[in-house]
Amino acid sequence: MPNNAPPTETLLRLPAVLERVACKKSTLYAMVARGDFPAPHRIRNTHISAWRASDIDRWIAAQVEEVA
């Protein structure tokens, strides 16, 4: 029986994002404010914010491409 469920998106909280991009919280939020980094998404009916892992992966890939 085929699984027709849409792929799931992994959400990352701030500590995981900071670990993946290797920067400080203040630097990360400054990049978000400048539009240089994806903004977090508010989780519905909560006070929780998280980033889509796919957004972070694309940002990292773009940074690597710029350096290469």
N, C-alpha and C. Protein backbone atom coordinates (compact mmCIF):
# COMPACT_ATOMS: atom_id res chain seq x y z
N MET A 1 0.84 -1.18 0.00
CA MET A 1 0.00 0.00 0.00
C MET A 1 0.89 1.25 0.00
N PRO A 2 0.80 2.10 -1.03
CA PRO A 2 1.67 3.26 -1.13
C PRO A 2 1.34 4.31 -0.06
N ASN A 3 2.36 4.99 0.37
CA ASN A 3 2.19 6.06 1.35
C ASN A 3 2.07 7.39 0.59
N ASN A 4 0.88 7.95 0.55
CA ASN A 4 0.65 9.20 -0.18
C ASN A 4 0.72 10.42 0.72
N ALA A 5 1.21 10.25 1.93
CA ALA A 5 1.33 11.38 2.86
C ALA A 5 2.40 12.34 2.35
N PRO A 6 2.15 13.65 2.51
CA PRO A 6 3.17 14.61 2.10
C PRO A 6 4.41 14.46 2.96
N PRO A 7 5.58 14.81 2.40
CA PRO A 7 6.80 14.72 3.21
C PRO A 7 6.71 15.65 4.41
N THR A 8 7.29 15.24 5.49
CA THR A 8 7.26 16.07 6.69
C THR A 8 8.42 17.03 6.69
N GLU A 9 8.22 18.16 7.28
CA GLU A 9 9.25 19.20 7.39
C GLU A 9 9.77 19.18 8.82
N THR A 10 11.07 19.17 8.95
CA THR A 10 11.69 19.23 10.27
C THR A 10 11.81 20.69 10.68
N LEU A 11 11.43 20.96 11.92
CA LEU A 11 11.56 22.30 12.47
C LEU A 11 12.72 22.32 13.45
N LEU A 12 13.49 23.40 13.40
CA LEU A 12 14.65 23.55 14.27
C LEU A 12 14.45 24.72 15.21
N ARG A 13 14.73 24.50 16.48
CA ARG A 13 14.69 25.58 17.47
C ARG A 13 16.04 26.29 17.45
N LEU A 14 16.11 27.43 18.11
CA LEU A 14 17.28 28.29 18.08
C LEU A 14 18.60 27.57 18.38
N PRO A 15 18.71 26.79 19.45
CA PRO A 15 20.01 26.14 19.71
C PRO A 15 20.51 25.27 18.55
N ALA A 16 19.60 24.57 17.89
CA ALA A 16 19.99 23.72 16.76
C ALA A 16 20.43 24.57 15.57
N VAL A 17 19.74 25.69 15.33
CA VAL A 17 20.12 26.57 14.23
C VAL A 17 21.50 27.17 14.49
N LEU A 18 21.73 27.64 15.71
CA LEU A 18 23.02 28.22 16.06
C LEU A 18 24.16 27.21 15.87
N GLU A 19 23.89 25.98 16.22
CA GLU A 19 24.91 24.94 16.05
C GLU A 19 25.19 24.68 14.58
N ARG A 20 24.15 24.69 13.77
CA ARG A 20 24.34 24.40 12.34
C ARG A 20 25.04 25.51 11.60
N VAL A 21 24.80 26.76 11.98
CA VAL A 21 25.40 27.87 11.23
C VAL A 21 26.63 28.45 11.93
N ALA A 22 26.93 27.96 13.12
CA ALA A 22 28.15 28.32 13.86
C ALA A 22 28.30 29.83 14.04
N CYS A 23 27.29 30.44 14.62
CA CYS A 23 27.38 31.86 14.95
C CYS A 23 26.66 32.11 16.27
N LYS A 24 26.82 33.32 16.77
CA LYS A 24 26.16 33.70 18.02
C LYS A 24 24.72 34.13 17.74
N LYS A 25 23.91 34.11 18.79
CA LYS A 25 22.50 34.49 18.67
C LYS A 25 22.36 35.92 18.14
N SER A 26 23.16 36.84 18.65
CA SER A 26 23.05 38.24 18.22
C SER A 26 23.37 38.39 16.74
N THR A 27 24.36 37.64 16.26
CA THR A 27 24.71 37.67 14.84
C THR A 27 23.58 37.11 14.00
N LEU A 28 23.01 36.00 14.44
CA LEU A 28 21.91 35.38 13.71
C LEU A 28 20.74 36.34 13.57
N TYR A 29 20.31 36.95 14.67
CA TYR A 29 19.17 37.85 14.60
C TYR A 29 19.48 39.13 13.81
N ALA A 30 20.73 39.57 13.81
CA ALA A 30 21.11 40.71 12.97
C ALA A 30 20.99 40.33 11.49
N MET A 31 21.39 39.11 11.14
CA MET A 31 21.25 38.66 9.75
C MET A 31 19.78 38.55 9.37
N VAL A 32 18.94 38.07 10.29
CA VAL A 32 17.50 37.99 10.03
C VAL A 32 16.94 39.39 9.79
N ALA A 33 17.33 40.35 10.63
CA ALA A 33 16.83 41.73 10.49
C ALA A 33 17.24 42.35 9.16
N ARG A 34 18.43 42.02 8.67
CA ARG A 34 18.92 42.54 7.38
C ARG A 34 18.33 41.79 6.19
N GLY A 35 17.67 40.67 6.45
CA GLY A 35 17.13 39.86 5.36
C GLY A 35 18.16 38.92 4.77
N ASP A 36 19.29 38.73 5.47
CA ASP A 36 20.35 37.86 4.99
C ASP A 36 20.22 36.42 5.47
N PHE A 37 19.23 36.14 6.30
CA PHE A 37 19.03 34.81 6.86
C PHE A 37 17.53 34.58 6.99
N PRO A 38 17.07 33.35 6.80
CA PRO A 38 15.63 33.08 6.90
C PRO A 38 15.08 33.44 8.28
N ALA A 39 13.91 34.02 8.30
CA ALA A 39 13.25 34.35 9.57
C ALA A 39 12.59 33.10 10.14
N PRO A 40 12.49 33.03 11.45
CA PRO A 40 11.79 31.90 12.06
C PRO A 40 10.29 32.00 11.83
N HIS A 41 9.63 30.89 11.97
CA HIS A 41 8.18 30.83 11.83
C HIS A 41 7.56 30.61 13.20
N ARG A 42 6.47 31.30 13.47
CA ARG A 42 5.74 31.12 14.73
C ARG A 42 4.88 29.86 14.61
N ILE A 43 4.96 29.00 15.61
CA ILE A 43 4.14 27.80 15.63
C ILE A 43 2.74 28.20 16.10
N ARG A 44 1.75 27.82 15.35
CA ARG A 44 0.37 28.24 15.60
C ARG A 44 -0.07 27.96 17.03
N ASN A 45 -0.73 28.95 17.62
CA ASN A 45 -1.31 28.87 18.96
C ASN A 45 -0.29 28.63 20.07
N THR A 46 0.95 29.03 19.83
CA THR A 46 1.99 28.91 20.85
C THR A 46 2.86 30.16 20.83
N HIS A 47 3.78 30.23 21.73
CA HIS A 47 4.78 31.30 21.73
C HIS A 47 6.11 30.76 21.22
N ILE A 48 6.06 29.68 20.47
CA ILE A 48 7.26 29.01 19.99
C ILE A 48 7.57 29.46 18.58
N SER A 49 8.86 29.74 18.34
CA SER A 49 9.34 30.03 16.99
C SER A 49 10.34 28.96 16.61
N ALA A 50 10.36 28.63 15.33
CA ALA A 50 11.29 27.63 14.83
C ALA A 50 11.57 27.91 13.36
N TRP A 51 12.66 27.38 12.89
CA TRP A 51 13.05 27.51 11.50
C TRP A 51 12.81 26.20 10.78
N ARG A 52 12.43 26.28 9.52
CA ARG A 52 12.33 25.08 8.70
C ARG A 52 13.74 24.62 8.37
N ALA A 53 14.01 23.35 8.58
CA ALA A 53 15.34 22.81 8.29
C ALA A 53 15.70 23.02 6.82
N SER A 54 14.73 22.92 5.93
CA SER A 54 15.00 23.10 4.51
C SER A 54 15.46 24.53 4.21
N ASP A 55 14.92 25.53 4.91
CA ASP A 55 15.37 26.91 4.73
C ASP A 55 16.83 27.07 5.16
N ILE A 56 17.17 26.45 6.28
CA ILE A 56 18.54 26.54 6.79
C ILE A 56 19.49 25.80 5.84
N ASP A 57 19.09 24.64 5.35
CA ASP A 57 19.92 23.88 4.41
C ASP A 57 20.19 24.70 3.14
N ARG A 58 19.15 25.37 2.61
CA ARG A 58 19.34 26.20 1.41
C ARG A 58 20.28 27.36 1.69
N TRP A 59 20.15 27.99 2.86
CA TRP A 59 21.02 29.11 3.21
C TRP A 59 22.47 28.64 3.30
N ILE A 60 22.70 27.50 3.96
CA ILE A 60 24.06 26.96 4.08
C ILE A 60 24.63 26.66 2.69
N ALA A 61 23.84 26.03 1.83
CA ALA A 61 24.30 25.70 0.49
C ALA A 61 24.67 26.96 -0.29
N ALA A 62 23.88 28.01 -0.15
CA ALA A 62 24.18 29.28 -0.83
C ALA A 62 25.48 29.89 -0.33
N GLN A 63 25.75 29.77 0.96
CA GLN A 63 26.99 30.32 1.51
C GLN A 63 28.19 29.55 0.99
N VAL A 64 28.07 28.24 0.89
CA VAL A 64 29.15 27.40 0.38
C VAL A 64 29.42 27.72 -1.09
N GLU A 65 28.35 27.93 -1.87
CA GLU A 65 28.50 28.25 -3.28
C GLU A 65 29.22 29.58 -3.47
N GLU A 66 28.92 30.57 -2.59
CA GLU A 66 29.55 31.88 -2.71
C GLU A 66 31.05 31.79 -2.45
N VAL A 67 31.46 30.93 -1.54
CA VAL A 67 32.87 30.79 -1.19
C VAL A 67 33.63 30.05 -2.27
N ALA A 68 32.98 29.06 -2.88
CA ALA A 68 33.65 28.20 -3.88
C ALA A 68 33.99 28.94 -5.15
